[in-house]
């Protein structure tokens, strides 16, 4: 047997195939596009499903998608690879320049996952460590990451969200949220105007890959008593500069 063609590597190649598809695939689609006998595919999919690496979509008996264990593995790789030191150094310089807390986030299903965070040296702060998750519909990074999705995918995701109210400014109407996302997609700047935590404003910028894909978001937040939203908006050019640096670390 070719050492480069072991059962383990074939299973890994199948996982890569499902990840690249960026949508659930039917068994017929997998059989058509993945070079392996149908019986072998059945065995591999059954083993991967038993391990939580793939799941069958509800209502789709033979439609497969990446599972929670694989999603978590991917997030852990991003959070703990060698690029993390470089990313943290960029965040640290940004905080030194702006004087406020900055964070790096990604979309994780229907929530925002904190990949990294650097606190400003102020006593008033939010305790959100790397690995924390916040709602997507009322955070600057979350709305930005939603807005940067392909429109059809974005619409499907928005309709699944529970638009819980956290403050008087939280957007809880689907149509209003869609309109807000359209504005954000046009400007490519996300804003949280006391929508998640009363008294806290936040501004976010996207990390864009060389092929135009939104990889993540970088954001700055602060109490409005110290840095009102109008002041936070002045940070946008420096945020965008840091976003371009950070995009090169992914």
C-alpha atoms as a PDB file:
ATOM      1  CA  UNK A   1       0.000   0.000   0.000  1.00  0.00           C
ATOM      2  CA  UNK A   2       1.214   3.498  -0.829  1.00  0.00           C
ATOM      3  CA  UNK A   3       2.109   5.158   2.480  1.00  0.00           C
ATOM      4  CA  UNK A   4       0.426   8.317   1.206  1.00  0.00           C
ATOM      5  CA  UNK A   5      -2.839   6.421   0.664  1.00  0.00           C
ATOM      6  CA  UNK A   6      -3.690   4.939   4.055  1.00  0.00           C
ATOM      7  CA  UNK A   7      -7.262   4.624   5.398  1.00  0.00           C
ATOM      8  CA  UNK A   8      -6.508   7.427   7.868  1.00  0.00           C
ATOM      9  CA  UNK A   9      -5.371   9.817   5.134  1.00  0.00           C
ATOM     10  CA  UNK A  10      -8.338   8.905   2.927  1.00  0.00           C
ATOM     11  CA  UNK A  11     -10.673   9.746   5.823  1.00  0.00           C
ATOM     12  CA  UNK A  12      -8.797  13.022   6.323  1.00  0.00           C
ATOM     13  CA  UNK A  13      -9.160  13.792   2.605  1.00  0.00           C
ATOM     14  CA  UNK A  14     -12.899  13.183   2.918  1.00  0.00           C
ATOM     15  CA  UNK A  15     -13.086  15.660   5.799  1.00  0.00           C
ATOM     16  CA  UNK A  16     -11.185  18.202   3.677  1.00  0.00           C
ATOM     17  CA  UNK A  17     -13.706  17.627   0.891  1.00  0.00           C
ATOM     18  CA  UNK A  18     -16.641  18.350   3.223  1.00  0.00           C
ATOM     19  CA  UNK A  19     -14.961  21.457   4.656  1.00  0.00           C
ATOM     20  CA  UNK A  20     -14.194  22.899   1.201  1.00  0.00           C
ATOM     21  CA  UNK A  21     -17.790  22.379   0.081  1.00  0.00           C
ATOM     22  CA  UNK A  22     -18.914  24.980   2.663  1.00  0.00           C
ATOM     23  CA  UNK A  23     -22.379  23.381   2.714  1.00  0.00           C
ATOM     24  CA  UNK A  24     -23.885  19.984   3.520  1.00  0.00           C
ATOM     25  CA  UNK A  25     -23.348  17.396   0.791  1.00  0.00           C
ATOM     26  CA  UNK A  26     -25.608  14.527  -0.158  1.00  0.00           C
ATOM     27  CA  UNK A  27     -24.154  11.040  -0.384  1.00  0.00           C
ATOM     28  CA  UNK A  28     -24.755  11.137  -4.155  1.00  0.00           C
ATOM     29  CA  UNK A  29     -22.667  14.327  -4.431  1.00  0.00           C
ATOM     30  CA  UNK A  30     -19.858  12.830  -2.360  1.00  0.00           C
ATOM     31  CA  UNK A  31     -19.832   9.635  -4.446  1.00  0.00           C
ATOM     32  CA  UNK A  32     -19.700  11.702  -7.634  1.00  0.00           C
ATOM     33  CA  UNK A  33     -16.864  14.027  -6.575  1.00  0.00           C
ATOM     34  CA  UNK A  34     -14.760  11.955  -4.163  1.00  0.00           C
ATOM     35  CA  UNK A  35     -12.630   9.168  -5.600  1.00  0.00           C
ATOM     36  CA  UNK A  36     -13.500   6.134  -3.510  1.00  0.00           C
ATOM     37  CA  UNK A  37     -15.830   3.128  -3.848  1.00  0.00           C
ATOM     38  CA  UNK A  38     -19.317   3.739  -2.506  1.00  0.00           C
ATOM     39  CA  UNK A  39     -18.937   0.980   0.090  1.00  0.00           C
ATOM     40  CA  UNK A  40     -15.700   2.536   1.370  1.00  0.00           C
ATOM     41  CA  UNK A  41     -17.372   5.934   1.595  1.00  0.00           C
ATOM     42  CA  UNK A  42     -20.208   4.450   3.648  1.00  0.00           C
ATOM     43  CA  UNK A  43     -17.704   2.953   6.093  1.00  0.00           C
ATOM     44  CA  UNK A  44     -15.663   6.155   6.367  1.00  0.00           C
ATOM     45  CA  UNK A  45     -18.738   8.352   6.867  1.00  0.00           C
ATOM     46  CA  UNK A  46     -20.121   5.978   9.508  1.00  0.00           C
ATOM     47  CA  UNK A  47     -16.817   6.037  11.422  1.00  0.00           C
ATOM     48  CA  UNK A  48     -16.493   9.824  11.169  1.00  0.00           C
ATOM     49  CA  UNK A  49     -20.103  10.277  12.258  1.00  0.00           C
ATOM     50  CA  UNK A  50     -19.576   7.998  15.269  1.00  0.00           C
ATOM     51  CA  UNK A  51     -16.594  10.160  16.259  1.00  0.00           C
ATOM     52  CA  UNK A  52     -18.517  13.432  15.996  1.00  0.00           C
ATOM     53  CA  UNK A  53     -16.389  14.624  13.070  1.00  0.00           C
ATOM     54  CA  UNK A  54     -19.315  14.669  10.646  1.00  0.00           C
ATOM     55  CA  UNK A  55     -23.062  14.820  11.205  1.00  0.00           C
ATOM     56  CA  UNK A  56     -26.113  13.988   9.148  1.00  0.00           C
ATOM     57  CA  UNK A  57     -28.304  17.018   8.543  1.00  0.00           C
ATOM     58  CA  UNK A  58     -31.763  16.926  10.211  1.00  0.00           C
ATOM     59  CA  UNK A  59     -34.337  15.883   7.653  1.00  0.00           C
ATOM     60  CA  UNK A  60     -31.613  14.756   5.254  1.00  0.00           C
ATOM     61  CA  UNK A  61     -30.998  11.074   5.881  1.00  0.00           C
ATOM     62  CA  UNK A  62     -27.954  10.949   3.596  1.00  0.00           C
ATOM     63  CA  UNK A  63     -26.784  14.575   3.718  1.00  0.00           C
ATOM     64  CA  UNK A  64     -23.524  15.153   5.563  1.00  0.00           C
ATOM     65  CA  UNK A  65     -21.810  18.195   7.106  1.00  0.00           C
ATOM     66  CA  UNK A  66     -18.831  18.781   9.356  1.00  0.00           C
ATOM     67  CA  UNK A  67     -19.533  17.900  12.975  1.00  0.00           C
ATOM     68  CA  UNK A  68     -19.008  19.769  16.248  1.00  0.00           C
ATOM     69  CA  UNK A  69     -15.790  17.944  17.111  1.00  0.00           C
ATOM     70  CA  UNK A  70     -14.178  18.940  13.811  1.00  0.00           C
ATOM     71  CA  UNK A  71     -15.419  22.531  14.158  1.00  0.00           C
ATOM     72  CA  UNK A  72     -13.895  22.746  17.632  1.00  0.00           C
ATOM     73  CA  UNK A  73     -10.622  21.283  16.367  1.00  0.00           C
ATOM     74  CA  UNK A  74     -10.463  23.939  13.663  1.00  0.00           C
ATOM     75  CA  UNK A  75     -11.073  26.709  16.181  1.00  0.00           C
ATOM     76  CA  UNK A  76      -8.414  25.317  18.512  1.00  0.00           C
ATOM     77  CA  UNK A  77      -5.887  25.193  15.667  1.00  0.00           C
ATOM     78  CA  UNK A  78      -6.513  28.868  14.853  1.00  0.00           C
ATOM     79  CA  UNK A  79      -6.319  29.878  18.511  1.00  0.00           C
ATOM     80  CA  UNK A  80      -3.137  27.973  19.393  1.00  0.00           C
ATOM     81  CA  UNK A  81      -0.922  27.813  16.295  1.00  0.00           C
ATOM     82  CA  UNK A  82       2.409  29.613  16.011  1.00  0.00           C
ATOM     83  CA  UNK A  83       0.706  32.608  14.396  1.00  0.00           C
ATOM     84  CA  UNK A  84      -0.963  33.346  17.725  1.00  0.00           C
ATOM     85  CA  UNK A  85       2.165  35.071  19.105  1.00  0.00           C
ATOM     86  CA  UNK A  86       2.358  37.337  16.066  1.00  0.00           C
ATOM     87  CA  UNK A  87      -1.353  38.135  16.267  1.00  0.00           C
ATOM     88  CA  UNK A  88      -1.103  38.939  19.963  1.00  0.00           C
ATOM     89  CA  UNK A  89       1.855  41.251  19.310  1.00  0.00           C
ATOM     90  CA  UNK A  90      -0.208  43.125  16.689  1.00  0.00           C
ATOM     91  CA  UNK A  91      -3.105  43.416  19.153  1.00  0.00           C
ATOM     92  CA  UNK A  92      -0.745  44.689  21.852  1.00  0.00           C
ATOM     93  CA  UNK A  93       0.593  47.439  19.563  1.00  0.00           C
ATOM     94  CA  UNK A  94      -2.955  48.393  18.639  1.00  0.00           C
ATOM     95  CA  UNK A  95      -4.000  48.701  22.284  1.00  0.00           C
ATOM     96  CA  UNK A  96      -0.916  50.798  23.004  1.00  0.00           C
ATOM     97  CA  UNK A  97      -1.863  53.134  20.135  1.00  0.00           C
ATOM     98  CA  UNK A  98      -5.584  53.411  20.898  1.00  0.00           C
ATOM     99  CA  UNK A  99      -5.540  53.133  24.677  1.00  0.00           C
ATOM    100  CA  UNK A 100      -8.570  50.816  24.672  1.00  0.00           C
ATOM    101  CA  UNK A 101      -9.198  47.058  24.752  1.00  0.00           C
ATOM    102  CA  UNK A 102      -9.036  45.238  21.391  1.00  0.00           C
ATOM    103  CA  UNK A 103     -10.065  41.736  20.386  1.00  0.00           C
ATOM    104  CA  UNK A 104      -9.862  39.322  17.464  1.00  0.00           C
ATOM    105  CA  UNK A 105     -12.931  37.222  16.677  1.00  0.00           C
ATOM    106  CA  UNK A 106     -14.389  34.705  14.223  1.00  0.00           C
ATOM    107  CA  UNK A 107     -17.885  33.498  13.449  1.00  0.00           C
ATOM    108  CA  UNK A 108     -18.614  30.170  15.134  1.00  0.00           C
ATOM    109  CA  UNK A 109     -22.001  28.833  14.047  1.00  0.00           C
ATOM    110  CA  UNK A 110     -24.394  31.534  15.350  1.00  0.00           C
ATOM    111  CA  UNK A 111     -22.058  33.174  17.862  1.00  0.00           C
ATOM    112  CA  UNK A 112     -18.874  35.209  17.884  1.00  0.00           C
ATOM    113  CA  UNK A 113     -15.794  33.392  19.192  1.00  0.00           C
ATOM    114  CA  UNK A 114     -12.977  35.377  20.809  1.00  0.00           C
ATOM    115  CA  UNK A 115      -9.682  34.145  19.359  1.00  0.00           C
ATOM    116  CA  UNK A 116      -7.530  36.656  21.232  1.00  0.00           C
ATOM    117  CA  UNK A 117      -7.900  39.748  23.358  1.00  0.00           C
ATOM    118  CA  UNK A 118      -5.655  42.426  24.823  1.00  0.00           C
ATOM    119  CA  UNK A 119      -6.946  44.503  27.699  1.00  0.00           C
ATOM    120  CA  UNK A 120      -6.233  48.199  28.078  1.00  0.00           C
ATOM    121  CA  UNK A 121      -4.831  49.244  31.485  1.00  0.00           C
ATOM    122  CA  UNK A 122      -8.117  50.610  32.806  1.00  0.00           C
ATOM    123  CA  UNK A 123     -10.021  49.375  35.897  1.00  0.00           C
ATOM    124  CA  UNK A 124     -13.383  49.347  34.059  1.00  0.00           C
ATOM    125  CA  UNK A 125     -13.446  46.388  31.652  1.00  0.00           C
ATOM    126  CA  UNK A 126     -15.402  43.356  30.408  1.00  0.00           C
ATOM    127  CA  UNK A 127     -14.062  39.926  31.382  1.00  0.00           C
ATOM    128  CA  UNK A 128     -14.111  38.147  27.995  1.00  0.00           C
ATOM    129  CA  UNK A 129     -11.160  35.775  27.667  1.00  0.00           C
ATOM    130  CA  UNK A 130     -10.091  33.934  24.477  1.00  0.00           C
ATOM    131  CA  UNK A 131     -12.606  31.154  23.910  1.00  0.00           C
ATOM    132  CA  UNK A 132     -15.525  33.273  25.145  1.00  0.00           C
ATOM    133  CA  UNK A 133     -18.538  33.619  22.852  1.00  0.00           C
ATOM    134  CA  UNK A 134     -20.974  36.522  22.482  1.00  0.00           C
ATOM    135  CA  UNK A 135     -24.204  36.951  20.494  1.00  0.00           C
ATOM    136  CA  UNK A 136     -23.772  37.693  16.815  1.00  0.00           C
ATOM    137  CA  UNK A 137     -26.726  40.072  16.331  1.00  0.00           C
ATOM    138  CA  UNK A 138     -25.763  42.739  18.855  1.00  0.00           C
ATOM    139  CA  UNK A 139     -21.950  42.899  18.753  1.00  0.00           C
ATOM    140  CA  UNK A 140     -19.887  44.977  16.315  1.00  0.00           C
ATOM    141  CA  UNK A 141     -17.780  41.986  15.233  1.00  0.00           C
ATOM    142  CA  UNK A 142     -20.804  39.718  14.993  1.00  0.00           C
ATOM    143  CA  UNK A 143     -22.805  42.041  12.785  1.00  0.00           C
ATOM    144  CA  UNK A 144     -19.742  42.678  10.626  1.00  0.00           C
ATOM    145  CA  UNK A 145     -19.006  38.953  10.196  1.00  0.00           C
ATOM    146  CA  UNK A 146     -22.659  38.347   9.313  1.00  0.00           C
ATOM    147  CA  UNK A 147     -22.690  41.239   6.862  1.00  0.00           C
ATOM    148  CA  UNK A 148     -19.617  39.920   5.043  1.00  0.00           C
ATOM    149  CA  UNK A 149     -21.231  36.534   4.312  1.00  0.00           C
ATOM    150  CA  UNK A 150     -22.723  35.828   0.866  1.00  0.00           C
ATOM    151  CA  UNK A 151     -26.202  37.362   0.889  1.00  0.00           C
ATOM    152  CA  UNK A 152     -28.164  34.102   0.588  1.00  0.00           C
ATOM    153  CA  UNK A 153     -26.148  32.421   3.341  1.00  0.00           C
ATOM    154  CA  UNK A 154     -26.495  35.505   5.524  1.00  0.00           C
ATOM    155  CA  UNK A 155     -30.265  35.583   5.084  1.00  0.00           C
ATOM    156  CA  UNK A 156     -30.637  31.915   6.025  1.00  0.00           C
ATOM    157  CA  UNK A 157     -28.485  32.396   9.122  1.00  0.00           C
ATOM    158  CA  UNK A 158     -30.287  35.554  10.267  1.00  0.00           C
ATOM    159  CA  UNK A 159     -33.637  33.761  10.093  1.00  0.00           C
ATOM    160  CA  UNK A 160     -32.348  31.104  12.520  1.00  0.00           C
ATOM    161  CA  UNK A 161     -31.165  33.601  15.135  1.00  0.00           C
ATOM    162  CA  UNK A 162     -32.894  34.193  18.426  1.00  0.00           C
ATOM    163  CA  UNK A 163     -32.764  37.994  18.516  1.00  0.00           C
ATOM    164  CA  UNK A 164     -32.591  38.323  22.275  1.00  0.00           C
ATOM    165  CA  UNK A 165     -32.777  41.818  23.733  1.00  0.00           C
ATOM    166  CA  UNK A 166     -29.809  42.792  25.948  1.00  0.00           C
ATOM    167  CA  UNK A 167     -30.226  46.583  26.095  1.00  0.00           C
ATOM    168  CA  UNK A 168     -32.689  49.208  24.892  1.00  0.00           C
ATOM    169  CA  UNK A 169     -30.588  49.522  21.703  1.00  0.00           C
ATOM    170  CA  UNK A 170     -30.497  45.813  20.756  1.00  0.00           C
ATOM    171  CA  UNK A 171     -31.956  45.153  17.300  1.00  0.00           C
ATOM    172  CA  UNK A 172     -34.597  42.457  17.695  1.00  0.00           C
ATOM    173  CA  UNK A 173     -36.467  42.862  14.382  1.00  0.00           C
ATOM    174  CA  UNK A 174     -35.246  40.720  11.452  1.00  0.00           C
ATOM    175  CA  UNK A 175     -35.949  43.363   8.802  1.00  0.00           C
ATOM    176  CA  UNK A 176     -34.178  46.073  10.800  1.00  0.00           C
ATOM    177  CA  UNK A 177     -31.211  43.757  11.332  1.00  0.00           C
ATOM    178  CA  UNK A 178     -31.048  42.963   7.596  1.00  0.00           C
ATOM    179  CA  UNK A 179     -31.048  46.700   6.806  1.00  0.00           C
ATOM    180  CA  UNK A 180     -28.265  47.246   9.348  1.00  0.00           C
ATOM    181  CA  UNK A 181     -26.239  44.420   7.801  1.00  0.00           C
ATOM    182  CA  UNK A 182     -26.650  45.964   4.345  1.00  0.00           C
ATOM    183  CA  UNK A 183     -25.185  49.232   5.657  1.00  0.00           C
ATOM    184  CA  UNK A 184     -22.318  47.391   7.337  1.00  0.00           C
ATOM    185  CA  UNK A 185     -21.557  45.351   4.199  1.00  0.00           C
ATOM    186  CA  UNK A 186     -21.322  48.579   2.202  1.00  0.00           C
ATOM    187  CA  UNK A 187     -19.054  50.384   4.690  1.00  0.00           C
ATOM    188  CA  UNK A 188     -17.227  47.242   5.929  1.00  0.00           C
ATOM    189  CA  UNK A 189     -17.287  48.655   9.458  1.00  0.00           C
ATOM    190  CA  UNK A 190     -19.280  47.077  12.283  1.00  0.00           C
ATOM    191  CA  UNK A 191     -20.692  49.188  15.117  1.00  0.00           C
ATOM    192  CA  UNK A 192     -22.153  48.253  18.504  1.00  0.00           C
ATOM    193  CA  UNK A 193     -23.909  51.326  19.911  1.00  0.00           C
ATOM    194  CA  UNK A 194     -24.587  49.998  23.443  1.00  0.00           C
ATOM    195  CA  UNK A 195     -26.436  47.038  21.896  1.00  0.00           C
ATOM    196  CA  UNK A 196     -24.851  44.216  23.904  1.00  0.00           C
ATOM    197  CA  UNK A 197     -23.821  45.975  27.122  1.00  0.00           C
ATOM    198  CA  UNK A 198     -25.290  49.313  28.206  1.00  0.00           C
ATOM    199  CA  UNK A 199     -22.592  51.953  28.420  1.00  0.00           C
ATOM    200  CA  UNK A 200     -20.164  50.124  26.078  1.00  0.00           C
ATOM    201  CA  UNK A 201     -19.515  51.113  22.449  1.00  0.00           C
ATOM    202  CA  UNK A 202     -17.558  49.040  19.958  1.00  0.00           C
ATOM    203  CA  UNK A 203     -16.242  49.355  16.394  1.00  0.00           C
ATOM    204  CA  UNK A 204     -14.961  46.459  14.246  1.00  0.00           C
ATOM    205  CA  UNK A 205     -13.058  46.029  10.955  1.00  0.00           C
ATOM    206  CA  UNK A 206     -12.742  42.868   8.823  1.00  0.00           C
ATOM    207  CA  UNK A 207      -9.649  40.783   8.057  1.00  0.00           C
ATOM    208  CA  UNK A 208      -9.805  40.129   4.316  1.00  0.00           C
ATOM    209  CA  UNK A 209      -7.855  37.327   2.608  1.00  0.00           C
ATOM    210  CA  UNK A 210      -6.084  37.724  -0.738  1.00  0.00           C
ATOM    211  CA  UNK A 211      -9.112  36.175  -2.478  1.00  0.00           C
ATOM    212  CA  UNK A 212     -11.518  38.628  -0.835  1.00  0.00           C
ATOM    213  CA  UNK A 213     -12.905  36.321   1.879  1.00  0.00           C
ATOM    214  CA  UNK A 214     -13.590  37.700   5.349  1.00  0.00           C
ATOM    215  CA  UNK A 215     -11.396  35.675   7.715  1.00  0.00           C
ATOM    216  CA  UNK A 216     -12.152  37.321  11.049  1.00  0.00           C
ATOM    217  CA  UNK A 217     -12.814  40.688  12.667  1.00  0.00           C
ATOM    218  CA  UNK A 218     -10.782  42.998  14.874  1.00  0.00           C
ATOM    219  CA  UNK A 219     -12.583  45.333  17.241  1.00  0.00           C
ATOM    220  CA  UNK A 220     -12.011  48.021  19.854  1.00  0.00           C
ATOM    221  CA  UNK A 221     -14.466  48.641  22.668  1.00  0.00           C
ATOM    222  CA  UNK A 222     -14.675  51.051  25.575  1.00  0.00           C
ATOM    223  CA  UNK A 223     -17.080  52.621  28.064  1.00  0.00           C
ATOM    224  CA  UNK A 224     -18.859  55.566  26.444  1.00  0.00           C
ATOM    225  CA  UNK A 225     -18.025  57.690  29.494  1.00  0.00           C
ATOM    226  CA  UNK A 226     -14.388  57.499  28.403  1.00  0.00           C
ATOM    227  CA  UNK A 227     -14.657  56.852  24.660  1.00  0.00           C
ATOM    228  CA  UNK A 228     -18.048  57.635  23.090  1.00  0.00           C
ATOM    229  CA  UNK A 229     -18.924  56.038  19.753  1.00  0.00           C
ATOM    230  CA  UNK A 230     -17.979  59.214  17.839  1.00  0.00           C
ATOM    231  CA  UNK A 231     -14.485  58.966  19.301  1.00  0.00           C
ATOM    232  CA  UNK A 232     -14.283  55.217  18.662  1.00  0.00           C
ATOM    233  CA  UNK A 233     -15.057  55.831  14.977  1.00  0.00           C
ATOM    234  CA  UNK A 234     -11.849  57.867  14.775  1.00  0.00           C
ATOM    235  CA  UNK A 235      -9.978  54.603  15.481  1.00  0.00           C
ATOM    236  CA  UNK A 236     -11.173  53.014  12.197  1.00  0.00           C
ATOM    237  CA  UNK A 237      -8.088  53.783  10.054  1.00  0.00           C
ATOM    238  CA  UNK A 238      -5.771  52.283  12.690  1.00  0.00           C
ATOM    239  CA  UNK A 239      -8.100  49.271  13.069  1.00  0.00           C
ATOM    240  CA  UNK A 240      -8.018  48.698   9.309  1.00  0.00           C
ATOM    241  CA  UNK A 241      -4.230  48.891   9.301  1.00  0.00           C
ATOM    242  CA  UNK A 242      -4.040  46.251  12.038  1.00  0.00           C
ATOM    243  CA  UNK A 243      -6.611  44.121  10.170  1.00  0.00           C
ATOM    244  CA  UNK A 244      -4.368  44.055   7.082  1.00  0.00           C
ATOM    245  CA  UNK A 245      -1.428  42.936   9.239  1.00  0.00           C
ATOM    246  CA  UNK A 246      -3.470  40.277  10.997  1.00  0.00           C
ATOM    247  CA  UNK A 247      -4.862  38.868   7.740  1.00  0.00           C
ATOM    248  CA  UNK A 248      -1.326  37.849   6.783  1.00  0.00           C
ATOM    249  CA  UNK A 249      -1.059  35.607   9.886  1.00  0.00           C
ATOM    250  CA  UNK A 250      -3.905  33.270   8.840  1.00  0.00           C
END
